[in-house]
Amino acid sequence: MVDMNLAKARARAKISPVAERKIALGPAGNLNEVDIMNKARAERAALFGAMIGKLAGFIKNKYDALRAELHERRMRRIALEELSSYSDRELADIGIARGEIRAAVYGKINLDRAANDDAANENDARAKGKCA
């Protein structure tokens, strides 16, 4: 069965058994054991180098992602501390309630709603004739 698969592979690649032997042995056709070992070492070193390069790239990507995540956490912690130090009036000025600080920092609420609420209040006041 193995010979049939090899024969099929040779037929697909259009490589004769003689050409296959020359490819394996090299252009001179007479490699000795030392040459074969040197070629094997060189190929193994190239493959190992490629593997190490991929591993280093993977580790760098994970490190960069972790570093970005830690930076984002630190910035959110700073924002939470800053907003928590504001008075209720200052928080109302920027359009959030004290209970919404965490949601605002984590982007779970729309902070543009305060501007929309102000515009809606002005429109209501104009409609009632209270605003000039």
C-alpha atoms as a PDB file:
ATOM      1  CA  MET A   1       0.000   0.000   0.000  1.00  0.00           C
ATOM      2  CA  VAL A   2       2.853   2.378   0.830  1.00  0.00           C
ATOM      3  CA  ASP A   3       4.465   1.705  -2.539  1.00  0.00           C
ATOM      4  CA  MET A   4       1.198   2.495  -4.316  1.00  0.00           C
ATOM      5  CA  ASN A   5       0.878   5.803  -2.472  1.00  0.00           C
ATOM      6  CA  LEU A   6       4.488   6.647  -3.290  1.00  0.00           C
ATOM      7  CA  ALA A   7       3.898   5.765  -6.929  1.00  0.00           C
ATOM      8  CA  LYS A   8       0.762   7.932  -7.007  1.00  0.00           C
ATOM      9  CA  ALA A   9       2.652  10.832  -5.430  1.00  0.00           C
ATOM     10  CA  ARG A  10       5.460  10.454  -7.972  1.00  0.00           C
ATOM     11  CA  ALA A  11       2.954  10.368 -10.819  1.00  0.00           C
ATOM     12  CA  ARG A  12       1.211  13.507  -9.560  1.00  0.00           C
ATOM     13  CA  ALA A  13       4.497  15.345  -9.105  1.00  0.00           C
ATOM     14  CA  LYS A  14       5.922  13.857 -12.313  1.00  0.00           C
ATOM     15  CA  ILE A  15       9.148  12.911 -10.508  1.00  0.00           C
ATOM     16  CA  SER A  16      10.909   9.742 -11.493  1.00  0.00           C
ATOM     17  CA  PRO A  17      12.497   7.504  -8.836  1.00  0.00           C
ATOM     18  CA  VAL A  18      15.941   8.371 -10.223  1.00  0.00           C
ATOM     19  CA  ALA A  19      15.264  12.118  -9.995  1.00  0.00           C
ATOM     20  CA  GLU A  20      13.868  11.650  -6.488  1.00  0.00           C
ATOM     21  CA  ARG A  21      17.094   9.901  -5.434  1.00  0.00           C
ATOM     22  CA  LYS A  22      19.200  12.711  -6.931  1.00  0.00           C
ATOM     23  CA  ILE A  23      17.130  15.326  -5.114  1.00  0.00           C
ATOM     24  CA  ALA A  24      17.641  13.443  -1.841  1.00  0.00           C
ATOM     25  CA  LEU A  25      21.360  12.983  -2.428  1.00  0.00           C
ATOM     26  CA  GLY A  26      22.056  16.402  -3.850  1.00  0.00           C
ATOM     27  CA  PRO A  27      23.514  17.531  -7.171  1.00  0.00           C
ATOM     28  CA  ALA A  28      26.670  15.444  -6.873  1.00  0.00           C
ATOM     29  CA  GLY A  29      24.681  12.326  -6.098  1.00  0.00           C
ATOM     30  CA  ASN A  30      27.238  11.028  -3.630  1.00  0.00           C
ATOM     31  CA  LEU A  31      26.684  12.534  -0.188  1.00  0.00           C
ATOM     32  CA  ASN A  32      28.486  10.866   2.638  1.00  0.00           C
ATOM     33  CA  GLU A  33      27.266  10.485   6.187  1.00  0.00           C
ATOM     34  CA  VAL A  34      28.919  13.712   7.375  1.00  0.00           C
ATOM     35  CA  ASP A  35      27.254  15.748   4.625  1.00  0.00           C
ATOM     36  CA  ILE A  36      23.880  14.230   5.439  1.00  0.00           C
ATOM     37  CA  MET A  37      24.326  15.015   9.147  1.00  0.00           C
ATOM     38  CA  ASN A  38      25.390  18.593   8.366  1.00  0.00           C
ATOM     39  CA  LYS A  39      22.347  19.100   6.130  1.00  0.00           C
ATOM     40  CA  ALA A  40      20.094  17.658   8.830  1.00  0.00           C
ATOM     41  CA  ARG A  41      21.615  19.941  11.466  1.00  0.00           C
ATOM     42  CA  ALA A  42      21.215  22.994   9.243  1.00  0.00           C
ATOM     43  CA  GLU A  43      17.594  22.138   8.476  1.00  0.00           C
ATOM     44  CA  ARG A  44      16.841  21.421  12.135  1.00  0.00           C
ATOM     45  CA  ALA A  45      18.434  24.750  13.141  1.00  0.00           C
ATOM     46  CA  ALA A  46      16.365  26.614  10.539  1.00  0.00           C
ATOM     47  CA  LEU A  47      13.144  24.975  11.720  1.00  0.00           C
ATOM     48  CA  PHE A  48      14.007  25.547  15.368  1.00  0.00           C
ATOM     49  CA  GLY A  49      14.810  29.203  14.615  1.00  0.00           C
ATOM     50  CA  ALA A  50      11.466  29.651  12.880  1.00  0.00           C
ATOM     51  CA  MET A  51       9.681  27.994  15.787  1.00  0.00           C
ATOM     52  CA  ILE A  52      11.445  30.222  18.318  1.00  0.00           C
ATOM     53  CA  GLY A  53      10.590  33.279  16.222  1.00  0.00           C
ATOM     54  CA  LYS A  54       6.905  32.370  16.205  1.00  0.00           C
ATOM     55  CA  LEU A  55       6.970  31.686  19.936  1.00  0.00           C
ATOM     56  CA  ALA A  56       8.648  35.024  20.615  1.00  0.00           C
ATOM     57  CA  GLY A  57       6.012  36.790  18.503  1.00  0.00           C
ATOM     58  CA  PHE A  58       3.218  35.024  20.392  1.00  0.00           C
ATOM     59  CA  ILE A  59       4.707  35.958  23.771  1.00  0.00           C
ATOM     60  CA  LYS A  60       5.190  39.583  22.680  1.00  0.00           C
ATOM     61  CA  ASN A  61       1.554  39.826  21.532  1.00  0.00           C
ATOM     62  CA  LYS A  62       0.318  38.408  24.841  1.00  0.00           C
ATOM     63  CA  TYR A  63       2.601  40.754  26.793  1.00  0.00           C
ATOM     64  CA  ASP A  64       1.390  43.778  24.818  1.00  0.00           C
ATOM     65  CA  ALA A  65      -2.252  42.781  25.348  1.00  0.00           C
ATOM     66  CA  LEU A  66      -1.696  42.326  29.084  1.00  0.00           C
ATOM     67  CA  ARG A  67       0.098  45.650  29.313  1.00  0.00           C
ATOM     68  CA  ALA A  68      -2.742  47.430  27.488  1.00  0.00           C
ATOM     69  CA  GLU A  69      -5.322  45.781  29.766  1.00  0.00           C
ATOM     70  CA  LEU A  70      -3.437  46.848  32.903  1.00  0.00           C
ATOM     71  CA  HIS A  71      -3.131  50.405  31.575  1.00  0.00           C
ATOM     72  CA  GLU A  72      -6.861  50.517  30.845  1.00  0.00           C
ATOM     73  CA  ARG A  73      -7.666  49.247  34.341  1.00  0.00           C
ATOM     74  CA  ARG A  74      -5.402  51.866  35.894  1.00  0.00           C
ATOM     75  CA  MET A  75      -7.041  54.649  33.881  1.00  0.00           C
ATOM     76  CA  ARG A  76     -10.520  53.454  34.892  1.00  0.00           C
ATOM     77  CA  ARG A  77      -9.479  53.296  38.545  1.00  0.00           C
ATOM     78  CA  ILE A  78      -8.183  56.873  38.327  1.00  0.00           C
ATOM     79  CA  ALA A  79     -11.425  58.004  36.654  1.00  0.00           C
ATOM     80  CA  LEU A  80     -13.509  56.280  39.353  1.00  0.00           C
ATOM     81  CA  GLU A  81     -11.504  57.977  42.094  1.00  0.00           C
ATOM     82  CA  GLU A  82     -11.751  61.355  40.376  1.00  0.00           C
ATOM     83  CA  LEU A  83     -15.507  61.166  39.771  1.00  0.00           C
ATOM     84  CA  SER A  84     -16.133  59.836  43.277  1.00  0.00           C
ATOM     85  CA  SER A  85     -14.429  62.915  44.696  1.00  0.00           C
ATOM     86  CA  TYR A  86     -16.886  65.253  42.893  1.00  0.00           C
ATOM     87  CA  SER A  87     -19.864  66.681  44.727  1.00  0.00           C
ATOM     88  CA  ASP A  88     -23.387  65.751  43.669  1.00  0.00           C
ATOM     89  CA  ARG A  89     -23.775  69.175  42.032  1.00  0.00           C
ATOM     90  CA  GLU A  90     -20.584  68.732  39.985  1.00  0.00           C
ATOM     91  CA  LEU A  91     -21.753  65.306  38.905  1.00  0.00           C
ATOM     92  CA  ALA A  92     -25.131  66.746  37.916  1.00  0.00           C
ATOM     93  CA  ASP A  93     -23.320  69.373  35.826  1.00  0.00           C
ATOM     94  CA  ILE A  94     -21.655  66.671  33.766  1.00  0.00           C
ATOM     95  CA  GLY A  95     -24.900  64.709  33.539  1.00  0.00           C
ATOM     96  CA  ILE A  96     -24.418  61.695  35.777  1.00  0.00           C
ATOM     97  CA  ALA A  97     -25.708  60.708  39.190  1.00  0.00           C
ATOM     98  CA  ARG A  98     -23.465  59.322  41.915  1.00  0.00           C
ATOM     99  CA  GLY A  99     -24.887  55.844  41.385  1.00  0.00           C
ATOM    100  CA  GLU A 100     -23.981  55.992  37.683  1.00  0.00           C
ATOM    101  CA  ILE A 101     -20.261  56.682  38.129  1.00  0.00           C
ATOM    102  CA  ARG A 102     -19.142  53.086  37.599  1.00  0.00           C
ATOM    103  CA  ALA A 103     -21.440  52.653  34.589  1.00  0.00           C
ATOM    104  CA  ALA A 104     -20.159  55.914  33.101  1.00  0.00           C
ATOM    105  CA  VAL A 105     -16.513  54.896  33.520  1.00  0.00           C
ATOM    106  CA  TYR A 106     -17.121  51.479  31.972  1.00  0.00           C
ATOM    107  CA  GLY A 107     -19.095  52.980  29.076  1.00  0.00           C
ATOM    108  CA  LYS A 108     -22.384  51.328  29.989  1.00  0.00           C
ATOM    109  CA  ILE A 109     -24.413  54.552  29.771  1.00  0.00           C
ATOM    110  CA  ASN A 110     -24.679  57.213  27.109  1.00  0.00           C
ATOM    111  CA  LEU A 111     -23.052  60.383  28.427  1.00  0.00           C
ATOM    112  CA  ASP A 112     -24.478  62.389  25.518  1.00  0.00           C
ATOM    113  CA  ARG A 113     -27.929  62.002  27.024  1.00  0.00           C
ATOM    114  CA  ALA A 114     -27.272  65.000  29.304  1.00  0.00           C
ATOM    115  CA  ALA A 115     -26.846  67.261  26.297  1.00  0.00           C
ATOM    116  CA  ASN A 116     -29.969  65.736  24.750  1.00  0.00           C
ATOM    117  CA  ASP A 117     -31.894  66.256  28.008  1.00  0.00           C
ATOM    118  CA  ASP A 118     -30.829  69.918  28.137  1.00  0.00           C
ATOM    119  CA  ALA A 119     -31.895  70.447  24.527  1.00  0.00           C
ATOM    120  CA  ALA A 120     -35.219  68.738  25.233  1.00  0.00           C
ATOM    121  CA  ASN A 121     -35.760  70.937  28.302  1.00  0.00           C
ATOM    122  CA  GLU A 122     -35.038  74.091  26.264  1.00  0.00           C
ATOM    123  CA  ASN A 123     -37.489  72.983  23.589  1.00  0.00           C
ATOM    124  CA  ASP A 124     -40.153  72.315  26.221  1.00  0.00           C
ATOM    125  CA  ALA A 125     -39.541  75.711  27.809  1.00  0.00           C
ATOM    126  CA  ARG A 126     -39.775  77.466  24.424  1.00  0.00           C
ATOM    127  CA  ALA A 127     -42.984  75.654  23.654  1.00  0.00           C
ATOM    128  CA  LYS A 128     -44.442  76.847  26.955  1.00  0.00           C
ATOM    129  CA  GLY A 129     -43.190  80.406  26.318  1.00  0.00           C
ATOM    130  CA  LYS A 130     -40.827  80.493  29.271  1.00  0.00           C
ATOM    131  CA  CYS A 131     -37.660  80.964  27.261  1.00  0.00           C
ATOM    132  CA  ALA A 132     -36.937  83.867  24.923  1.00  0.00           C
END
